[in-house]
């Protein structure tokens, strides 16, 4: 069943950008888009906040790896 409503593309505004990641927000619907290399995730606000919290807990946990084990841009050294 097709909807008769027309949909318009998101009006994206970049909130933050780095060498590997960009975060955009749609000014119409509020969707957060996380671009990580060739992967893009579209998240509603609750999912984005959950991801942020989970990443924060994981990166700040007691099992944090020593800084020396990380390579350029925070990637693990091979």
PDB file of N, CA and C in Angstrom:
ATOM      1  N   UNK A   1       0.845  -1.177   0.000  1.00  0.00           N
ATOM      2  CA  UNK A   1       0.000   0.000   0.000  1.00  0.00           C
ATOM      3  C   UNK A   1       0.888   1.236   0.000  1.00  0.00           C
ATOM      4  N   UNK A   2       0.672   2.118  -0.930  1.00  0.00           N
ATOM      5  CA  UNK A   2       1.483   3.331  -1.029  1.00  0.00           C
ATOM      6  C   UNK A   2       0.823   4.495  -0.308  1.00  0.00           C
ATOM      7  N   UNK A   3       1.652   5.308   0.267  1.00  0.00           N
ATOM      8  CA  UNK A   3       1.155   6.507   0.930  1.00  0.00           C
ATOM      9  C   UNK A   3       0.939   7.592  -0.116  1.00  0.00           C
ATOM     10  N   UNK A   4      -0.093   8.386   0.083  1.00  0.00           N
ATOM     11  CA  UNK A   4      -0.351   9.496  -0.840  1.00  0.00           C
ATOM     12  C   UNK A   4       0.405  10.750  -0.427  1.00  0.00           C
ATOM     13  N   UNK A   5       0.996  10.711   0.767  1.00  0.00           N
ATOM     14  CA  UNK A   5       1.761  11.861   1.238  1.00  0.00           C
ATOM     15  C   UNK A   5       3.113  11.905   0.533  1.00  0.00           C
ATOM     16  N   UNK A   6       3.535  13.104   0.166  1.00  0.00           N
ATOM     17  CA  UNK A   6       4.856  13.230  -0.433  1.00  0.00           C
ATOM     18  C   UNK A   6       5.879  13.425   0.681  1.00  0.00           C
ATOM     19  N   UNK A   7       7.038  12.869   0.468  1.00  0.00           N
ATOM     20  CA  UNK A   7       8.108  13.028   1.447  1.00  0.00           C
ATOM     21  C   UNK A   7       9.219  13.846   0.820  1.00  0.00           C
ATOM     22  N   UNK A   8       9.783  14.716   1.602  1.00  0.00           N
ATOM     23  CA  UNK A   8      10.896  15.524   1.119  1.00  0.00           C
ATOM     24  C   UNK A   8      12.167  15.054   1.805  1.00  0.00           C
ATOM     25  N   UNK A   9      13.305  15.224   1.131  1.00  0.00           N
ATOM     26  CA  UNK A   9      14.565  14.811   1.756  1.00  0.00           C
ATOM     27  C   UNK A   9      14.861  15.656   2.993  1.00  0.00           C
ATOM     28  N   UNK A  10      15.598  15.070   3.904  1.00  0.00           N
ATOM     29  CA  UNK A  10      15.973  15.777   5.129  1.00  0.00           C
ATOM     30  C   UNK A  10      16.797  17.023   4.807  1.00  0.00           C
ATOM     31  N   UNK A  11      16.600  18.051   5.602  1.00  0.00           N
ATOM     32  CA  UNK A  11      17.383  19.286   5.524  1.00  0.00           C
ATOM     33  C   UNK A  11      18.484  19.174   6.580  1.00  0.00           C
ATOM     34  N   UNK A  12      19.644  18.647   6.177  1.00  0.00           N
ATOM     35  CA  UNK A  12      20.708  18.316   7.122  1.00  0.00           C
ATOM     36  C   UNK A  12      21.590  19.516   7.461  1.00  0.00           C
ATOM     37  N   UNK A  13      21.926  19.596   8.732  1.00  0.00           N
ATOM     38  CA  UNK A  13      22.884  20.568   9.243  1.00  0.00           C
ATOM     39  C   UNK A  13      23.960  19.775   9.971  1.00  0.00           C
ATOM     40  N   UNK A  14      25.230  20.038   9.675  1.00  0.00           N
ATOM     41  CA  UNK A  14      26.326  19.334  10.331  1.00  0.00           C
ATOM     42  C   UNK A  14      26.520  19.883  11.743  1.00  0.00           C
ATOM     43  N   UNK A  15      26.449  18.997  12.725  1.00  0.00           N
ATOM     44  CA  UNK A  15      26.642  19.368  14.131  1.00  0.00           C
ATOM     45  C   UNK A  15      28.094  19.242  14.548  1.00  0.00           C
ATOM     46  N   UNK A  16      28.773  18.230  14.026  1.00  0.00           N
ATOM     47  CA  UNK A  16      30.178  18.000  14.368  1.00  0.00           C
ATOM     48  C   UNK A  16      30.809  17.184  13.254  1.00  0.00           C
ATOM     49  N   UNK A  17      32.120  17.388  13.076  1.00  0.00           N
ATOM     50  CA  UNK A  17      32.831  16.678  12.018  1.00  0.00           C
ATOM     51  C   UNK A  17      34.274  16.465  12.437  1.00  0.00           C
ATOM     52  N   UNK A  18      34.795  15.293  12.122  1.00  0.00           N
ATOM     53  CA  UNK A  18      36.189  14.961  12.401  1.00  0.00           C
ATOM     54  C   UNK A  18      36.763  14.230  11.213  1.00  0.00           C
ATOM     55  N   UNK A  19      37.991  13.727  11.343  1.00  0.00           N
ATOM     56  CA  UNK A  19      38.636  13.057  10.221  1.00  0.00           C
ATOM     57  C   UNK A  19      37.923  11.768   9.788  1.00  0.00           C
ATOM     58  N   UNK A  20      37.203  11.110  10.690  1.00  0.00           N
ATOM     59  CA  UNK A  20      36.554   9.840  10.366  1.00  0.00           C
ATOM     60  C   UNK A  20      35.045   9.843  10.537  1.00  0.00           C
ATOM     61  N   UNK A  21      34.506  10.815  11.244  1.00  0.00           N
ATOM     62  CA  UNK A  21      33.089  10.806  11.608  1.00  0.00           C
ATOM     63  C   UNK A  21      32.467  12.182  11.384  1.00  0.00           C
ATOM     64  N   UNK A  22      31.180  12.164  10.946  1.00  0.00           N
ATOM     65  CA  UNK A  22      30.405  13.406  10.851  1.00  0.00           C
ATOM     66  C   UNK A  22      29.030  13.144  11.455  1.00  0.00           C
ATOM     67  N   UNK A  23      28.491  14.124  12.183  1.00  0.00           N
ATOM     68  CA  UNK A  23      27.165  14.020  12.778  1.00  0.00           C
ATOM     69  C   UNK A  23      26.300  15.133  12.197  1.00  0.00           C
ATOM     70  N   UNK A  24      25.163  14.738  11.589  1.00  0.00           N
ATOM     71  CA  UNK A  24      24.219  15.682  11.007  1.00  0.00           C
ATOM     72  C   UNK A  24      22.884  15.573  11.732  1.00  0.00           C
ATOM     73  N   UNK A  25      22.094  16.651  11.647  1.00  0.00           N
ATOM     74  CA  UNK A  25      20.736  16.654  12.204  1.00  0.00           C
ATOM     75  C   UNK A  25      19.797  17.215  11.161  1.00  0.00           C
ATOM     76  N   UNK A  26      18.652  16.572  11.001  1.00  0.00           N
ATOM     77  CA  UNK A  26      17.630  17.067  10.090  1.00  0.00           C
ATOM     78  C   UNK A  26      16.848  18.176  10.780  1.00  0.00           C
ATOM     79  N   UNK A  27      16.746  19.319  10.147  1.00  0.00           N
ATOM     80  CA  UNK A  27      16.038  20.456  10.728  1.00  0.00           C
ATOM     81  C   UNK A  27      14.521  20.255  10.701  1.00  0.00           C
ATOM     82  N   UNK A  28      14.036  19.333   9.864  1.00  0.00           N
ATOM     83  CA  UNK A  28      12.593  19.080   9.786  1.00  0.00           C
ATOM     84  C   UNK A  28      12.131  18.023  10.780  1.00  0.00           C
ATOM     85  N   UNK A  29      12.745  16.841  10.724  1.00  0.00           N
ATOM     86  CA  UNK A  29      12.260  15.720  11.536  1.00  0.00           C
ATOM     87  C   UNK A  29      13.095  15.447  12.786  1.00  0.00           C
ATOM     88  N   UNK A  30      14.280  16.058  12.909  1.00  0.00           N
ATOM     89  CA  UNK A  30      15.112  15.881  14.091  1.00  0.00           C
ATOM     90  C   UNK A  30      15.982  14.644  14.082  1.00  0.00           C
ATOM     91  N   UNK A  31      15.929  13.868  13.002  1.00  0.00           N
ATOM     92  CA  UNK A  31      16.745  12.661  12.908  1.00  0.00           C
ATOM     93  C   UNK A  31      18.225  13.008  12.951  1.00  0.00           C
ATOM     94  N   UNK A  32      18.992  12.202  13.688  1.00  0.00           N
ATOM     95  CA  UNK A  32      20.443  12.349  13.756  1.00  0.00           C
ATOM     96  C   UNK A  32      21.046  11.335  12.796  1.00  0.00           C
ATOM     97  N   UNK A  33      21.964  11.778  11.946  1.00  0.00           N
ATOM     98  CA  UNK A  33      22.659  10.870  11.042  1.00  0.00           C
ATOM     99  C   UNK A  33      24.126  10.854  11.419  1.00  0.00           C
ATOM    100  N   UNK A  34      24.632   9.668  11.713  1.00  0.00           N
ATOM    101  CA  UNK A  34      26.027   9.462  12.069  1.00  0.00           C
ATOM    102  C   UNK A  34      26.712   8.823  10.867  1.00  0.00           C
ATOM    103  N   UNK A  35      27.686   9.526  10.292  1.00  0.00           N
ATOM    104  CA  UNK A  35      28.450   9.022   9.146  1.00  0.00           C
ATOM    105  C   UNK A  35      29.799   8.560   9.670  1.00  0.00           C
ATOM    106  N   UNK A  36      30.092   7.282   9.498  1.00  0.00           N
ATOM    107  CA  UNK A  36      31.357   6.699   9.944  1.00  0.00           C
ATOM    108  C   UNK A  36      31.947   5.953   8.759  1.00  0.00           C
ATOM    109  N   UNK A  37      32.875   6.599   8.059  1.00  0.00           N
ATOM    110  CA  UNK A  37      33.418   6.020   6.840  1.00  0.00           C
ATOM    111  C   UNK A  37      32.313   5.824   5.826  1.00  0.00           C
ATOM    112  N   UNK A  38      32.190   4.606   5.302  1.00  0.00           N
ATOM    113  CA  UNK A  38      31.182   4.304   4.294  1.00  0.00           C
ATOM    114  C   UNK A  38      29.822   3.944   4.897  1.00  0.00           C
ATOM    115  N   UNK A  39      29.706   3.980   6.223  1.00  0.00           N
ATOM    116  CA  UNK A  39      28.470   3.600   6.906  1.00  0.00           C
ATOM    117  C   UNK A  39      27.775   4.842   7.444  1.00  0.00           C
ATOM    118  N   UNK A  40      26.463   4.921   7.224  1.00  0.00           N
ATOM    119  CA  UNK A  40      25.650   6.000   7.792  1.00  0.00           C
ATOM    120  C   UNK A  40      24.514   5.378   8.589  1.00  0.00           C
ATOM    121  N   UNK A  41      24.296   5.897   9.798  1.00  0.00           N
ATOM    122  CA  UNK A  41      23.203   5.452  10.654  1.00  0.00           C
ATOM    123  C   UNK A  41      22.247   6.610  10.869  1.00  0.00           C
ATOM    124  N   UNK A  42      20.961   6.397  10.614  1.00  0.00           N
ATOM    125  CA  UNK A  42      19.933   7.390  10.903  1.00  0.00           C
ATOM    126  C   UNK A  42      19.265   6.982  12.207  1.00  0.00           C
ATOM    127  N   UNK A  43      19.296   7.870  13.185  1.00  0.00           N
ATOM    128  CA  UNK A  43      18.804   7.558  14.527  1.00  0.00           C
ATOM    129  C   UNK A  43      17.812   8.605  14.984  1.00  0.00           C
ATOM    130  N   UNK A  44      16.753   8.160  15.684  1.00  0.00           N
ATOM    131  CA  UNK A  44      15.906   9.156  16.332  1.00  0.00           C
ATOM    132  C   UNK A  44      16.649   9.648  17.576  1.00  0.00           C
ATOM    133  N   UNK A  45      16.109  10.672  18.212  1.00  0.00           N
ATOM    134  CA  UNK A  45      16.819  11.300  19.329  1.00  0.00           C
ATOM    135  C   UNK A  45      17.099  10.314  20.468  1.00  0.00           C
ATOM    136  N   UNK A  46      16.126   9.471  20.805  1.00  0.00           N
ATOM    137  CA  UNK A  46      16.306   8.521  21.903  1.00  0.00           C
ATOM    138  C   UNK A  46      17.420   7.522  21.587  1.00  0.00           C
ATOM    139  N   UNK A  47      17.476   7.033  20.357  1.00  0.00           N
ATOM    140  CA  UNK A  47      18.521   6.085  19.967  1.00  0.00           C
ATOM    141  C   UNK A  47      19.889   6.756  19.969  1.00  0.00           C
ATOM    142  N   UNK A  48      19.961   8.001  19.497  1.00  0.00           N
ATOM    143  CA  UNK A  48      21.228   8.731  19.486  1.00  0.00           C
ATOM    144  C   UNK A  48      21.736   8.955  20.909  1.00  0.00           C
ATOM    145  N   UNK A  49      20.832   9.310  21.821  1.00  0.00           N
ATOM    146  CA  UNK A  49      21.226   9.520  23.217  1.00  0.00           C
ATOM    147  C   UNK A  49      21.681   8.206  23.861  1.00  0.00           C
ATOM    148  N   UNK A  50      21.010   7.106  23.540  1.00  0.00           N
ATOM    149  CA  UNK A  50      21.406   5.803  24.066  1.00  0.00           C
ATOM    150  C   UNK A  50      22.789   5.408  23.562  1.00  0.00           C
ATOM    151  N   UNK A  51      23.033   5.631  22.271  1.00  0.00           N
ATOM    152  CA  UNK A  51      24.351   5.343  21.694  1.00  0.00           C
ATOM    153  C   UNK A  51      25.423   6.175  22.376  1.00  0.00           C
ATOM    154  N   UNK A  52      25.170   7.466  22.561  1.00  0.00           N
ATOM    155  CA  UNK A  52      26.111   8.378  23.214  1.00  0.00           C
ATOM    156  C   UNK A  52      26.446   7.889  24.628  1.00  0.00           C
ATOM    157  N   UNK A  53      25.421   7.526  25.379  1.00  0.00           N
ATOM    158  CA  UNK A  53      25.607   7.053  26.757  1.00  0.00           C
ATOM    159  C   UNK A  53      26.404   5.749  26.779  1.00  0.00           C
ATOM    160  N   UNK A  54      26.036   4.816  25.907  1.00  0.00           N
ATOM    161  CA  UNK A  54      26.712   3.520  25.867  1.00  0.00           C
ATOM    162  C   UNK A  54      28.174   3.664  25.470  1.00  0.00           C
ATOM    163  N   UNK A  55      28.449   4.491  24.463  1.00  0.00           N
ATOM    164  CA  UNK A  55      29.843   4.736  24.068  1.00  0.00           C
ATOM    165  C   UNK A  55      30.628   5.379  25.204  1.00  0.00           C
ATOM    166  N   UNK A  56      30.014   6.338  25.883  1.00  0.00           N
ATOM    167  CA  UNK A  56      30.679   6.992  27.010  1.00  0.00           C
ATOM    168  C   UNK A  56      31.030   6.017  28.114  1.00  0.00           C
ATOM    169  N   UNK A  57      30.091   5.128  28.438  1.00  0.00           N
ATOM    170  CA  UNK A  57      30.362   4.120  29.469  1.00  0.00           C
ATOM    171  C   UNK A  57      31.460   3.170  29.016  1.00  0.00           C
ATOM    172  N   UNK A  58      31.398   2.757  27.775  1.00  0.00           N
ATOM    173  CA  UNK A  58      32.403   1.823  27.266  1.00  0.00           C
ATOM    174  C   UNK A  58      33.790   2.427  27.212  1.00  0.00           C
ATOM    175  N   UNK A  59      33.879   3.671  26.742  1.00  0.00           N
ATOM    176  CA  UNK A  59      35.187   4.318  26.620  1.00  0.00           C
ATOM    177  C   UNK A  59      35.751   4.746  27.965  1.00  0.00           C
ATOM    178  N   UNK A  60      34.892   4.952  28.951  1.00  0.00           N
ATOM    179  CA  UNK A  60      35.356   5.390  30.265  1.00  0.00           C
ATOM    180  C   UNK A  60      35.396   4.276  31.290  1.00  0.00           C
ATOM    181  N   UNK A  61      35.244   3.036  30.834  1.00  0.00           N
ATOM    182  CA  UNK A  61      35.186   1.919  31.785  1.00  0.00           C
ATOM    183  C   UNK A  61      36.545   1.667  32.430  1.00  0.00           C
ATOM    184  N   UNK A  62      36.528   0.872  33.478  1.00  0.00           N
ATOM    185  CA  UNK A  62      37.749   0.526  34.203  1.00  0.00           C
ATOM    186  C   UNK A  62      38.692  -0.330  33.372  1.00  0.00           C
ATOM    187  N   UNK A  63      38.198  -0.934  32.312  1.00  0.00           N
ATOM    188  CA  UNK A  63      39.024  -1.798  31.477  1.00  0.00           C
ATOM    189  C   UNK A  63      39.620  -1.027  30.304  1.00  0.00           C
ATOM    190  N   UNK A  64      39.737   0.281  30.466  1.00  0.00           N
ATOM    191  CA  UNK A  64      40.268   1.113  29.390  1.00  0.00           C
ATOM    192  C   UNK A  64      41.682   0.680  29.020  1.00  0.00           C
ATOM    193  N   UNK A  65      41.935   0.621  27.715  1.00  0.00           N
ATOM    194  CA  UNK A  65      43.264   0.245  27.225  1.00  0.00           C
ATOM    195  C   UNK A  65      44.244   1.393  27.395  1.00  0.00           C
ATOM    196  N   UNK A  66      45.512   1.083  27.615  1.00  0.00           N
ATOM    197  CA  UNK A  66      46.517   2.145  27.703  1.00  0.00           C
ATOM    198  C   UNK A  66      46.582   2.928  26.398  1.00  0.00           C
ATOM    199  N   UNK A  67      46.831   4.199  26.490  1.00  0.00           N
ATOM    200  CA  UNK A  67      46.891   5.085  25.331  1.00  0.00           C
ATOM    201  C   UNK A  67      47.913   4.605  24.301  1.00  0.00           C
ATOM    202  N   UNK A  68      48.967   3.940  24.749  1.00  0.00           N
ATOM    203  CA  UNK A  68      50.022   3.479  23.839  1.00  0.00           C
ATOM    204  C   UNK A  68      49.515   2.420  22.861  1.00  0.00           C
ATOM    205  N   UNK A  69      48.426   1.720  23.214  1.00  0.00           N
ATOM    206  CA  UNK A  69      47.924   0.666  22.335  1.00  0.00           C
ATOM    207  C   UNK A  69      47.058   1.229  21.202  1.00  0.00           C
ATOM    208  N   UNK A  70      46.811   2.528  21.229  1.00  0.00           N
ATOM    209  CA  UNK A  70      46.012   3.154  20.181  1.00  0.00           C
ATOM    210  C   UNK A  70      46.909   3.809  19.144  1.00  0.00           C
ATOM    211  N   UNK A  71      46.527   3.709  17.893  1.00  0.00           N
ATOM    212  CA  UNK A  71      47.293   4.321  16.802  1.00  0.00           C
ATOM    213  C   UNK A  71      46.724   5.679  16.440  1.00  0.00           C
ATOM    214  N   UNK A  72      46.952   6.111  15.210  1.00  0.00           N
ATOM    215  CA  UNK A  72      46.446   7.390  14.718  1.00  0.00           C
ATOM    216  C   UNK A  72      44.922   7.435  14.808  1.00  0.00           C
ATOM    217  N   UNK A  73      44.384   8.586  15.154  1.00  0.00           N
ATOM    218  CA  UNK A  73      42.940   8.839  15.223  1.00  0.00           C
ATOM    219  C   UNK A  73      42.240   7.893  16.192  1.00  0.00           C
ATOM    220  N   UNK A  74      42.948   7.375  17.192  1.00  0.00           N
ATOM    221  CA  UNK A  74      42.343   6.511  18.187  1.00  0.00           C
ATOM    222  C   UNK A  74      42.088   5.096  17.734  1.00  0.00           C
ATOM    223  N   UNK A  75      42.611   4.708  16.574  1.00  0.00           N
ATOM    224  CA  UNK A  75      42.432   3.337  16.100  1.00  0.00           C
ATOM    225  C   UNK A  75      43.437   2.431  16.776  1.00  0.00           C
ATOM    226  N   UNK A  76      43.085   1.179  16.930  1.00  0.00           N
ATOM    227  CA  UNK A  76      44.007   0.221  17.518  1.00  0.00           C
ATOM    228  C   UNK A  76      45.194  -0.009  16.603  1.00  0.00           C
ATOM    229  N   UNK A  77      46.370  -0.040  17.181  1.00  0.00           N
ATOM    230  CA  UNK A  77      47.577  -0.304  16.396  1.00  0.00           C
ATOM    231  C   UNK A  77      47.604  -1.777  16.021  1.00  0.00           C
ATOM    232  N   UNK A  78      48.074  -2.088  14.839  1.00  0.00           N
ATOM    233  CA  UNK A  78      48.113  -3.482  14.362  1.00  0.00           C
ATOM    234  C   UNK A  78      49.445  -4.109  14.719  1.00  0.00           C
TER     235      UNK A  78
END
